[in-house]
C-alpha atoms as a PDB file:
ATOM      1  CA  UNK A   1      25.344 -46.250  12.298  1.00  0.00           C
ATOM      2  CA  UNK A   2      26.322 -48.751  14.963  1.00  0.00           C
ATOM      3  CA  UNK A   3      27.506 -52.036  13.475  1.00  0.00           C
ATOM      4  CA  UNK A   4      28.480 -54.998  15.660  1.00  0.00           C
ATOM      5  CA  UNK A   5      30.788 -57.425  13.917  1.00  0.00           C
ATOM      6  CA  UNK A   6      30.663 -61.144  14.596  1.00  0.00           C
ATOM      7  CA  UNK A   7      33.864 -62.598  13.193  1.00  0.00           C
ATOM      8  CA  UNK A   8      35.529 -65.390  15.172  1.00  0.00           C
ATOM      9  CA  UNK A   9      39.285 -66.065  14.898  1.00  0.00           C
ATOM     10  CA  UNK A  10      40.470 -69.646  14.559  1.00  0.00           C
ATOM     11  CA  UNK A  11      41.759 -69.608  18.129  1.00  0.00           C
ATOM     12  CA  UNK A  12      38.280 -68.741  19.375  1.00  0.00           C
ATOM     13  CA  UNK A  13      36.757 -71.564  17.353  1.00  0.00           C
ATOM     14  CA  UNK A  14      39.216 -73.978  18.902  1.00  0.00           C
ATOM     15  CA  UNK A  15      38.363 -72.692  22.347  1.00  0.00           C
ATOM     16  CA  UNK A  16      34.650 -73.030  21.660  1.00  0.00           C
ATOM     17  CA  UNK A  17      35.175 -76.643  20.626  1.00  0.00           C
ATOM     18  CA  UNK A  18      37.035 -77.235  23.866  1.00  0.00           C
ATOM     19  CA  UNK A  19      34.078 -75.826  25.781  1.00  0.00           C
ATOM     20  CA  UNK A  20      31.749 -78.276  24.069  1.00  0.00           C
ATOM     21  CA  UNK A  21      33.925 -81.126  25.322  1.00  0.00           C
ATOM     22  CA  UNK A  22      33.807 -79.824  28.873  1.00  0.00           C
ATOM     23  CA  UNK A  23      36.109 -76.969  29.797  1.00  0.00           C
ATOM     24  CA  UNK A  24      37.921 -76.979  33.091  1.00  0.00           C
ATOM     25  CA  UNK A  25      38.764 -80.680  33.237  1.00  0.00           C
ATOM     26  CA  UNK A  26      42.369 -81.400  34.162  1.00  0.00           C
ATOM     27  CA  UNK A  27      43.767 -82.822  30.973  1.00  0.00           C
ATOM     28  CA  UNK A  28      47.289 -84.199  30.982  1.00  0.00           C
ATOM     29  CA  UNK A  29      49.547 -82.192  28.713  1.00  0.00           C
ATOM     30  CA  UNK A  30      53.023 -83.526  28.064  1.00  0.00           C
ATOM     31  CA  UNK A  31      55.601 -80.803  28.561  1.00  0.00           C
ATOM     32  CA  UNK A  32      59.297 -81.426  29.111  1.00  0.00           C
ATOM     33  CA  UNK A  33      58.610 -84.914  30.393  1.00  0.00           C
ATOM     34  CA  UNK A  34      56.063 -83.733  32.982  1.00  0.00           C
ATOM     35  CA  UNK A  35      52.306 -83.261  33.037  1.00  0.00           C
ATOM     36  CA  UNK A  36      50.730 -79.851  33.488  1.00  0.00           C
ATOM     37  CA  UNK A  37      47.152 -78.673  33.956  1.00  0.00           C
ATOM     38  CA  UNK A  38      45.318 -77.421  30.876  1.00  0.00           C
ATOM     39  CA  UNK A  39      43.865 -73.956  31.423  1.00  0.00           C
ATOM     40  CA  UNK A  40      43.195 -73.336  27.731  1.00  0.00           C
ATOM     41  CA  UNK A  41      39.829 -72.025  26.625  1.00  0.00           C
ATOM     42  CA  UNK A  42      37.461 -69.146  27.287  1.00  0.00           C
ATOM     43  CA  UNK A  43      36.608 -68.027  30.823  1.00  0.00           C
ATOM     44  CA  UNK A  44      34.499 -65.282  32.330  1.00  0.00           C
ATOM     45  CA  UNK A  45      33.804 -63.601  35.658  1.00  0.00           C
ATOM     46  CA  UNK A  46      30.550 -61.673  36.110  1.00  0.00           C
ATOM     47  CA  UNK A  47      31.528 -59.069  38.707  1.00  0.00           C
ATOM     48  CA  UNK A  48      32.702 -55.506  38.235  1.00  0.00           C
ATOM     49  CA  UNK A  49      35.317 -54.233  38.937  1.00  0.00           C
ATOM     50  CA  UNK A  50      36.017 -57.824  39.922  1.00  0.00           C
ATOM     51  CA  UNK A  51      38.872 -57.907  42.470  1.00  0.00           C
ATOM     52  CA  UNK A  52      37.741 -60.335  45.165  1.00  0.00           C
ATOM     53  CA  UNK A  53      38.898 -59.547  48.716  1.00  0.00           C
ATOM     54  CA  UNK A  54      40.945 -62.369  50.248  1.00  0.00           C
ATOM     55  CA  UNK A  55      39.562 -64.499  53.064  1.00  0.00           C
ATOM     56  CA  UNK A  56      42.184 -62.950  55.354  1.00  0.00           C
ATOM     57  CA  UNK A  57      45.148 -60.596  55.213  1.00  0.00           C
ATOM     58  CA  UNK A  58      45.733 -57.345  53.306  1.00  0.00           C
ATOM     59  CA  UNK A  59      43.485 -56.988  50.280  1.00  0.00           C
ATOM     60  CA  UNK A  60      42.795 -54.543  47.438  1.00  0.00           C
ATOM     61  CA  UNK A  61      41.346 -51.048  47.702  1.00  0.00           C
ATOM     62  CA  UNK A  62      37.564 -51.269  48.101  1.00  0.00           C
ATOM     63  CA  UNK A  63      34.755 -48.852  47.257  1.00  0.00           C
ATOM     64  CA  UNK A  64      33.596 -46.448  49.978  1.00  0.00           C
ATOM     65  CA  UNK A  65      30.457 -45.725  47.933  1.00  0.00           C
ATOM     66  CA  UNK A  66      27.843 -48.431  48.532  1.00  0.00           C
ATOM     67  CA  UNK A  67      24.395 -49.153  47.126  1.00  0.00           C
ATOM     68  CA  UNK A  68      21.645 -48.731  49.693  1.00  0.00           C
ATOM     69  CA  UNK A  69      18.332 -50.543  49.402  1.00  0.00           C
ATOM     70  CA  UNK A  70      17.030 -53.258  47.123  1.00  0.00           C
ATOM     71  CA  UNK A  71      18.538 -56.658  46.462  1.00  0.00           C
ATOM     72  CA  UNK A  72      22.056 -55.182  46.132  1.00  0.00           C
ATOM     73  CA  UNK A  73      22.093 -53.387  49.465  1.00  0.00           C
ATOM     74  CA  UNK A  74      25.643 -52.861  50.686  1.00  0.00           C
ATOM     75  CA  UNK A  75      27.387 -53.736  47.427  1.00  0.00           C
ATOM     76  CA  UNK A  76      29.978 -51.354  45.981  1.00  0.00           C
ATOM     77  CA  UNK A  77      28.434 -48.703  43.732  1.00  0.00           C
ATOM     78  CA  UNK A  78      29.655 -49.248  40.151  1.00  0.00           C
ATOM     79  CA  UNK A  79      28.448 -45.736  39.241  1.00  0.00           C
ATOM     80  CA  UNK A  80      30.775 -44.132  41.791  1.00  0.00           C
ATOM     81  CA  UNK A  81      34.376 -45.210  42.231  1.00  0.00           C
ATOM     82  CA  UNK A  82      35.415 -43.853  45.607  1.00  0.00           C
ATOM     83  CA  UNK A  83      38.441 -45.826  46.688  1.00  0.00           C
ATOM     84  CA  UNK A  84      39.080 -46.284  50.388  1.00  0.00           C
ATOM     85  CA  UNK A  85      41.912 -43.790  50.831  1.00  0.00           C
ATOM     86  CA  UNK A  86      42.060 -44.672  54.557  1.00  0.00           C
ATOM     87  CA  UNK A  87      43.247 -48.211  53.782  1.00  0.00           C
ATOM     88  CA  UNK A  88      46.411 -49.106  55.723  1.00  0.00           C
ATOM     89  CA  UNK A  89      48.020 -50.515  52.567  1.00  0.00           C
ATOM     90  CA  UNK A  90      48.392 -47.001  51.084  1.00  0.00           C
ATOM     91  CA  UNK A  91      51.310 -44.674  51.646  1.00  0.00           C
ATOM     92  CA  UNK A  92      50.246 -41.032  52.240  1.00  0.00           C
ATOM     93  CA  UNK A  93      50.994 -39.796  48.712  1.00  0.00           C
ATOM     94  CA  UNK A  94      49.065 -42.694  47.167  1.00  0.00           C
ATOM     95  CA  UNK A  95      46.159 -42.172  49.569  1.00  0.00           C
ATOM     96  CA  UNK A  96      45.907 -38.562  48.388  1.00  0.00           C
ATOM     97  CA  UNK A  97      45.760 -39.682  44.744  1.00  0.00           C
ATOM     98  CA  UNK A  98      42.971 -42.160  45.507  1.00  0.00           C
ATOM     99  CA  UNK A  99      41.078 -39.519  47.511  1.00  0.00           C
ATOM    100  CA  UNK A 100      41.213 -36.997  44.652  1.00  0.00           C
ATOM    101  CA  UNK A 101      39.859 -39.558  42.187  1.00  0.00           C
ATOM    102  CA  UNK A 102      37.018 -40.342  44.587  1.00  0.00           C
ATOM    103  CA  UNK A 103      36.134 -36.665  44.948  1.00  0.00           C
ATOM    104  CA  UNK A 104      35.776 -36.382  41.162  1.00  0.00           C
ATOM    105  CA  UNK A 105      33.445 -39.384  41.133  1.00  0.00           C
ATOM    106  CA  UNK A 106      31.371 -38.101  44.075  1.00  0.00           C
ATOM    107  CA  UNK A 107      30.932 -34.781  42.241  1.00  0.00           C
ATOM    108  CA  UNK A 108      29.407 -36.627  39.287  1.00  0.00           C
ATOM    109  CA  UNK A 109      32.489 -36.528  37.095  1.00  0.00           C
ATOM    110  CA  UNK A 110      34.416 -39.242  35.305  1.00  0.00           C
ATOM    111  CA  UNK A 111      38.165 -39.326  35.630  1.00  0.00           C
ATOM    112  CA  UNK A 112      40.330 -40.842  32.884  1.00  0.00           C
ATOM    113  CA  UNK A 113      41.330 -44.487  33.179  1.00  0.00           C
ATOM    114  CA  UNK A 114      43.190 -46.738  30.739  1.00  0.00           C
ATOM    115  CA  UNK A 115      39.917 -48.399  29.727  1.00  0.00           C
ATOM    116  CA  UNK A 116      37.826 -45.278  29.084  1.00  0.00           C
ATOM    117  CA  UNK A 117      40.720 -43.564  27.291  1.00  0.00           C
ATOM    118  CA  UNK A 118      41.463 -46.551  25.029  1.00  0.00           C
ATOM    119  CA  UNK A 119      44.975 -47.036  26.403  1.00  0.00           C
ATOM    120  CA  UNK A 120      46.676 -50.346  27.255  1.00  0.00           C
ATOM    121  CA  UNK A 121      45.457 -51.527  30.647  1.00  0.00           C
ATOM    122  CA  UNK A 122      48.596 -52.959  32.210  1.00  0.00           C
ATOM    123  CA  UNK A 123      48.829 -55.457  35.058  1.00  0.00           C
ATOM    124  CA  UNK A 124      46.915 -55.866  37.360  1.00  0.00           C
ATOM    125  CA  UNK A 125      44.371 -53.292  36.077  1.00  0.00           C
ATOM    126  CA  UNK A 126      43.522 -55.530  33.100  1.00  0.00           C
ATOM    127  CA  UNK A 127      42.114 -58.223  35.379  1.00  0.00           C
ATOM    128  CA  UNK A 128      38.826 -56.290  35.570  1.00  0.00           C
ATOM    129  CA  UNK A 129      37.975 -57.534  32.068  1.00  0.00           C
ATOM    130  CA  UNK A 130      35.216 -60.125  32.266  1.00  0.00           C
ATOM    131  CA  UNK A 131      36.329 -62.160  29.231  1.00  0.00           C
ATOM    132  CA  UNK A 132      39.589 -64.101  29.094  1.00  0.00           C
ATOM    133  CA  UNK A 133      41.022 -66.728  26.774  1.00  0.00           C
ATOM    134  CA  UNK A 134      44.194 -68.659  27.596  1.00  0.00           C
ATOM    135  CA  UNK A 135      46.297 -70.297  24.890  1.00  0.00           C
ATOM    136  CA  UNK A 136      49.042 -72.681  26.054  1.00  0.00           C
ATOM    137  CA  UNK A 137      52.155 -73.859  24.242  1.00  0.00           C
ATOM    138  CA  UNK A 138      55.317 -75.476  25.657  1.00  0.00           C
ATOM    139  CA  UNK A 139      57.185 -72.176  25.264  1.00  0.00           C
ATOM    140  CA  UNK A 140      54.640 -69.555  26.298  1.00  0.00           C
ATOM    141  CA  UNK A 141      51.156 -68.676  27.492  1.00  0.00           C
ATOM    142  CA  UNK A 142      49.078 -66.144  25.560  1.00  0.00           C
ATOM    143  CA  UNK A 143      46.258 -64.256  27.276  1.00  0.00           C
ATOM    144  CA  UNK A 144      43.546 -62.741  25.082  1.00  0.00           C
ATOM    145  CA  UNK A 145      41.239 -60.238  26.777  1.00  0.00           C
ATOM    146  CA  UNK A 146      37.769 -59.431  25.483  1.00  0.00           C
ATOM    147  CA  UNK A 147      37.924 -55.647  25.316  1.00  0.00           C
ATOM    148  CA  UNK A 148      39.930 -53.660  22.803  1.00  0.00           C
ATOM    149  CA  UNK A 149      42.011 -56.566  21.441  1.00  0.00           C
ATOM    150  CA  UNK A 150      44.366 -56.533  24.436  1.00  0.00           C
ATOM    151  CA  UNK A 151      46.731 -59.478  24.834  1.00  0.00           C
ATOM    152  CA  UNK A 152      49.734 -60.585  26.885  1.00  0.00           C
ATOM    153  CA  UNK A 153      52.498 -63.119  26.324  1.00  0.00           C
ATOM    154  CA  UNK A 154      54.209 -65.004  29.138  1.00  0.00           C
ATOM    155  CA  UNK A 155      57.501 -66.790  28.481  1.00  0.00           C
ATOM    156  CA  UNK A 156      57.786 -70.145  30.230  1.00  0.00           C
ATOM    157  CA  UNK A 157      60.832 -71.292  32.173  1.00  0.00           C
ATOM    158  CA  UNK A 158      62.823 -68.193  31.270  1.00  0.00           C
ATOM    159  CA  UNK A 159      64.294 -65.534  33.587  1.00  0.00           C
ATOM    160  CA  UNK A 160      63.682 -61.811  33.402  1.00  0.00           C
ATOM    161  CA  UNK A 161      66.418 -60.019  31.458  1.00  0.00           C
ATOM    162  CA  UNK A 162      69.077 -58.302  33.541  1.00  0.00           C
ATOM    163  CA  UNK A 163      67.749 -54.914  32.410  1.00  0.00           C
ATOM    164  CA  UNK A 164      64.000 -54.918  31.835  1.00  0.00           C
ATOM    165  CA  UNK A 165      62.670 -52.380  29.347  1.00  0.00           C
ATOM    166  CA  UNK A 166      59.298 -51.142  30.664  1.00  0.00           C
ATOM    167  CA  UNK A 167      56.336 -52.154  28.499  1.00  0.00           C
ATOM    168  CA  UNK A 168      52.564 -51.784  28.792  1.00  0.00           C
ATOM    169  CA  UNK A 169      52.005 -55.245  30.269  1.00  0.00           C
ATOM    170  CA  UNK A 170      55.442 -55.647  31.765  1.00  0.00           C
ATOM    171  CA  UNK A 171      57.923 -58.485  31.367  1.00  0.00           C
ATOM    172  CA  UNK A 172      56.144 -61.704  32.355  1.00  0.00           C
ATOM    173  CA  UNK A 173      57.801 -65.067  32.936  1.00  0.00           C
ATOM    174  CA  UNK A 174      56.049 -68.202  34.141  1.00  0.00           C
ATOM    175  CA  UNK A 175      56.495 -71.754  35.321  1.00  0.00           C
ATOM    176  CA  UNK A 176      54.343 -74.584  36.634  1.00  0.00           C
ATOM    177  CA  UNK A 177      54.336 -75.655  40.263  1.00  0.00           C
ATOM    178  CA  UNK A 178      52.336 -78.872  40.175  1.00  0.00           C
ATOM    179  CA  UNK A 179      48.763 -77.892  39.310  1.00  0.00           C
ATOM    180  CA  UNK A 180      49.493 -74.148  39.469  1.00  0.00           C
ATOM    181  CA  UNK A 181      50.734 -71.741  36.806  1.00  0.00           C
ATOM    182  CA  UNK A 182      52.899 -69.069  38.461  1.00  0.00           C
ATOM    183  CA  UNK A 183      53.594 -65.819  36.570  1.00  0.00           C
ATOM    184  CA  UNK A 184      56.033 -63.127  37.700  1.00  0.00           C
ATOM    185  CA  UNK A 185      55.664 -59.648  36.162  1.00  0.00           C
ATOM    186  CA  UNK A 186      57.923 -56.602  36.508  1.00  0.00           C
ATOM    187  CA  UNK A 187      58.656 -53.567  34.360  1.00  0.00           C
ATOM    188  CA  UNK A 188      55.091 -52.354  33.784  1.00  0.00           C
ATOM    189  CA  UNK A 189      55.218 -49.073  31.886  1.00  0.00           C
ATOM    190  CA  UNK A 190      53.613 -46.032  33.462  1.00  0.00           C
ATOM    191  CA  UNK A 191      51.528 -44.026  31.023  1.00  0.00           C
ATOM    192  CA  UNK A 192      49.481 -40.894  31.709  1.00  0.00           C
ATOM    193  CA  UNK A 193      46.735 -42.975  33.353  1.00  0.00           C
ATOM    194  CA  UNK A 194      48.910 -45.355  35.362  1.00  0.00           C
ATOM    195  CA  UNK A 195      46.764 -47.169  37.927  1.00  0.00           C
ATOM    196  CA  UNK A 196      46.307 -50.670  39.302  1.00  0.00           C
ATOM    197  CA  UNK A 197      42.530 -50.523  39.730  1.00  0.00           C
ATOM    198  CA  UNK A 198      39.377 -48.573  38.869  1.00  0.00           C
ATOM    199  CA  UNK A 199      39.870 -46.286  41.880  1.00  0.00           C
ATOM    200  CA  UNK A 200      42.947 -44.622  40.401  1.00  0.00           C
ATOM    201  CA  UNK A 201      45.379 -46.272  42.822  1.00  0.00           C
ATOM    202  CA  UNK A 202      48.799 -45.446  41.343  1.00  0.00           C
ATOM    203  CA  UNK A 203      51.877 -47.609  40.937  1.00  0.00           C
ATOM    204  CA  UNK A 204      55.591 -46.936  40.761  1.00  0.00           C
ATOM    205  CA  UNK A 205      58.495 -48.484  38.804  1.00  0.00           C
ATOM    206  CA  UNK A 206      58.863 -50.917  41.732  1.00  0.00           C
ATOM    207  CA  UNK A 207      55.566 -52.655  40.883  1.00  0.00           C
ATOM    208  CA  UNK A 208      55.893 -56.441  41.111  1.00  0.00           C
ATOM    209  CA  UNK A 209      52.904 -58.726  40.463  1.00  0.00           C
ATOM    210  CA  UNK A 210      52.798 -62.491  41.016  1.00  0.00           C
ATOM    211  CA  UNK A 211      49.855 -64.420  39.535  1.00  0.00           C
ATOM    212  CA  UNK A 212      48.891 -67.976  40.463  1.00  0.00           C
ATOM    213  CA  UNK A 213      46.330 -69.769  38.262  1.00  0.00           C
ATOM    214  CA  UNK A 214      44.772 -73.119  39.139  1.00  0.00           C
ATOM    215  CA  UNK A 215      41.619 -75.122  38.500  1.00  0.00           C
ATOM    216  CA  UNK A 216      39.435 -75.627  41.560  1.00  0.00           C
ATOM    217  CA  UNK A 217      36.194 -77.402  42.385  1.00  0.00           C
ATOM    218  CA  UNK A 218      32.999 -75.380  42.811  1.00  0.00           C
ATOM    219  CA  UNK A 219      32.966 -76.071  46.560  1.00  0.00           C
ATOM    220  CA  UNK A 220      36.306 -74.273  46.890  1.00  0.00           C
ATOM    221  CA  UNK A 221      35.356 -71.519  44.459  1.00  0.00           C
ATOM    222  CA  UNK A 222      32.115 -70.730  46.277  1.00  0.00           C
ATOM    223  CA  UNK A 223      33.820 -68.900  49.148  1.00  0.00           C
ATOM    224  CA  UNK A 224      35.480 -66.409  46.794  1.00  0.00           C
ATOM    225  CA  UNK A 225      32.302 -66.037  44.735  1.00  0.00           C
ATOM    226  CA  UNK A 226      30.311 -65.270  47.900  1.00  0.00           C
ATOM    227  CA  UNK A 227      32.859 -62.668  49.040  1.00  0.00           C
ATOM    228  CA  UNK A 228      32.735 -61.068  45.618  1.00  0.00           C
ATOM    229  CA  UNK A 229      28.927 -60.936  45.602  1.00  0.00           C
ATOM    230  CA  UNK A 230      29.085 -58.785  48.752  1.00  0.00           C
ATOM    231  CA  UNK A 231      31.653 -56.402  47.310  1.00  0.00           C
ATOM    232  CA  UNK A 232      31.139 -56.016  43.548  1.00  0.00           C
ATOM    233  CA  UNK A 233      28.195 -55.613  41.189  1.00  0.00           C
ATOM    234  CA  UNK A 234      27.212 -58.735  39.280  1.00  0.00           C
ATOM    235  CA  UNK A 235      26.282 -58.174  35.657  1.00  0.00           C
ATOM    236  CA  UNK A 236      22.847 -59.423  34.734  1.00  0.00           C
ATOM    237  CA  UNK A 237      21.839 -61.138  31.485  1.00  0.00           C
ATOM    238  CA  UNK A 238      22.214 -59.004  28.386  1.00  0.00           C
ATOM    239  CA  UNK A 239      24.809 -56.626  29.820  1.00  0.00           C
ATOM    240  CA  UNK A 240      27.854 -58.492  28.555  1.00  0.00           C
ATOM    241  CA  UNK A 241      28.361 -60.958  25.732  1.00  0.00           C
ATOM    242  CA  UNK A 242      30.106 -63.570  27.877  1.00  0.00           C
ATOM    243  CA  UNK A 243      27.672 -64.185  30.683  1.00  0.00           C
ATOM    244  CA  UNK A 244      28.314 -66.299  33.745  1.00  0.00           C
ATOM    245  CA  UNK A 245      26.389 -69.569  34.062  1.00  0.00           C
ATOM    246  CA  UNK A 246      25.048 -69.437  37.660  1.00  0.00           C
ATOM    247  CA  UNK A 247      24.195 -73.147  37.594  1.00  0.00           C
ATOM    248  CA  UNK A 248      27.633 -74.371  36.522  1.00  0.00           C
ATOM    249  CA  UNK A 249      29.193 -76.630  39.159  1.00  0.00           C
ATOM    250  CA  UNK A 250      32.266 -77.914  37.331  1.00  0.00           C
ATOM    251  CA  UNK A 251      35.857 -76.750  37.514  1.00  0.00           C
ATOM    252  CA  UNK A 252      36.499 -73.031  37.940  1.00  0.00           C
ATOM    253  CA  UNK A 253      39.658 -71.134  37.073  1.00  0.00           C
ATOM    254  CA  UNK A 254      40.965 -69.065  39.959  1.00  0.00           C
ATOM    255  CA  UNK A 255      43.594 -66.367  39.729  1.00  0.00           C
ATOM    256  CA  UNK A 256      45.236 -65.328  42.981  1.00  0.00           C
ATOM    257  CA  UNK A 257      47.549 -62.369  42.535  1.00  0.00           C
ATOM    258  CA  UNK A 258      49.840 -60.503  44.895  1.00  0.00           C
ATOM    259  CA  UNK A 259      50.860 -56.887  44.346  1.00  0.00           C
ATOM    260  CA  UNK A 260      54.072 -55.573  45.871  1.00  0.00           C
ATOM    261  CA  UNK A 261      55.110 -51.959  45.253  1.00  0.00           C
ATOM    262  CA  UNK A 262      57.228 -50.271  47.896  1.00  0.00           C
ATOM    263  CA  UNK A 263      56.786 -46.937  46.149  1.00  0.00           C
ATOM    264  CA  UNK A 264      53.020 -46.910  46.759  1.00  0.00           C
ATOM    265  CA  UNK A 265      51.999 -49.568  49.280  1.00  0.00           C
ATOM    266  CA  UNK A 266      53.028 -50.141  52.887  1.00  0.00           C
ATOM    267  CA  UNK A 267      52.786 -53.898  52.426  1.00  0.00           C
ATOM    268  CA  UNK A 268      52.055 -56.502  49.732  1.00  0.00           C
ATOM    269  CA  UNK A 269      48.365 -57.270  49.223  1.00  0.00           C
ATOM    270  CA  UNK A 270      46.450 -60.102  47.590  1.00  0.00           C
ATOM    271  CA  UNK A 271      43.183 -60.511  45.681  1.00  0.00           C
ATOM    272  CA  UNK A 272      41.517 -63.230  43.639  1.00  0.00           C
ATOM    273  CA  UNK A 273      39.505 -63.456  40.430  1.00  0.00           C
ATOM    274  CA  UNK A 274      37.304 -66.543  40.065  1.00  0.00           C
ATOM    275  CA  UNK A 275      36.340 -67.469  36.504  1.00  0.00           C
ATOM    276  CA  UNK A 276      33.679 -69.870  35.287  1.00  0.00           C
ATOM    277  CA  UNK A 277      32.454 -71.299  31.990  1.00  0.00           C
ATOM    278  CA  UNK A 278      30.693 -68.615  29.937  1.00  0.00           C
ATOM    279  CA  UNK A 279      27.265 -68.575  28.373  1.00  0.00           C
ATOM    280  CA  UNK A 280      27.272 -66.571  25.166  1.00  0.00           C
ATOM    281  CA  UNK A 281      29.737 -65.867  22.393  1.00  0.00           C
ATOM    282  CA  UNK A 282      33.051 -64.043  22.180  1.00  0.00           C
ATOM    283  CA  UNK A 283      32.213 -60.854  20.300  1.00  0.00           C
ATOM    284  CA  UNK A 284      34.440 -58.010  19.189  1.00  0.00           C
ATOM    285  CA  UNK A 285      34.568 -55.189  21.728  1.00  0.00           C
ATOM    286  CA  UNK A 286      36.390 -52.100  20.482  1.00  0.00           C
ATOM    287  CA  UNK A 287      37.158 -48.992  22.505  1.00  0.00           C
ATOM    288  CA  UNK A 288      36.188 -46.080  20.261  1.00  0.00           C
ATOM    289  CA  UNK A 289      38.744 -43.298  20.534  1.00  0.00           C
ATOM    290  CA  UNK A 290      37.363 -39.780  20.441  1.00  0.00           C
ATOM    291  CA  UNK A 291      38.705 -36.468  21.625  1.00  0.00           C
ATOM    292  CA  UNK A 292      35.923 -36.122  24.218  1.00  0.00           C
ATOM    293  CA  UNK A 293      36.643 -39.522  25.666  1.00  0.00           C
ATOM    294  CA  UNK A 294      36.463 -38.319  29.277  1.00  0.00           C
ATOM    295  CA  UNK A 295      32.740 -38.674  28.935  1.00  0.00           C
ATOM    296  CA  UNK A 296      30.833 -36.636  31.496  1.00  0.00           C
ATOM    297  CA  UNK A 297      33.412 -33.894  32.102  1.00  0.00           C
ATOM    298  CA  UNK A 298      33.538 -32.672  28.512  1.00  0.00           C
ATOM    299  CA  UNK A 299      37.303 -32.326  28.692  1.00  0.00           C
ATOM    300  CA  UNK A 300      39.310 -33.582  25.770  1.00  0.00           C
ATOM    301  CA  UNK A 301      40.864 -37.024  26.016  1.00  0.00           C
ATOM    302  CA  UNK A 302      44.529 -37.805  25.484  1.00  0.00           C
ATOM    303  CA  UNK A 303      44.003 -39.020  21.932  1.00  0.00           C
ATOM    304  CA  UNK A 304      47.157 -38.366  19.846  1.00  0.00           C
ATOM    305  CA  UNK A 305      46.722 -35.328  17.584  1.00  0.00           C
ATOM    306  CA  UNK A 306      48.960 -33.229  15.312  1.00  0.00           C
ATOM    307  CA  UNK A 307      48.875 -29.450  15.136  1.00  0.00           C
ATOM    308  CA  UNK A 308      50.457 -29.403  11.666  1.00  0.00           C
ATOM    309  CA  UNK A 309      50.593 -31.765   8.676  1.00  0.00           C
ATOM    310  CA  UNK A 310      53.347 -34.343   8.811  1.00  0.00           C
ATOM    311  CA  UNK A 311      53.593 -34.754   5.028  1.00  0.00           C
END
């Protein structure tokens, strides 16, 4: 029996109240004698996988498989993830990894990813999630992501430790630069499904991600939204709980992130994610672990098991 639960934590209630008052307005927040932008609340982006190509310069790996015909002609095919292994940002070994993942998808298979295997997503892979809530305090920022109870904490105005212990979301430190929240992340742990995107693009211990969050007017956001609409599938009504209000013209939250990994990429590359005010409610989304988690292939997933009793 499939039961969908509808409990709402106190933090979500607070965020919902903020939405009712008009989310996305620059509210002055006193912090260490200065004023900072208020990004708190619930945000959503409607596109999948969601990485928006930049207006210029090196960008993320894109899908070689495109939809042909209909209103979505030319958009990346969300049923086939065939990363562009010919991209100049990839070193040869990484290009081969991306190519092999694409061949599995073209053959009708599904390769394991952090999200379909119920593993922590890591940065920047986690940015594909369409639901995001930001909680701000003077000491840290907390990111809550819609799927599978994933969350991140970012320490403010603190350095990275001299010796970073790798962790699933890395060691993240942040600071404000005027109206922009800048987050620096290193030490992302590599699990059995280590990848930075849905195309299986790998990463190495050298992975370094810099995120820049700021509130922008719709006129500025529109360029990124238009680029995204040509690259990624937009979810229609009823597909996700937090839907995108296409008529919203207020402040948008934009994340611009830069990925630098000398072990995998020939150069740093940049992408954006443009969030808007959601329509709908924040519902519980749980990844259901099962030993046949690699859905269409029938192979067993990497769910922890024991071959003998431990008691």
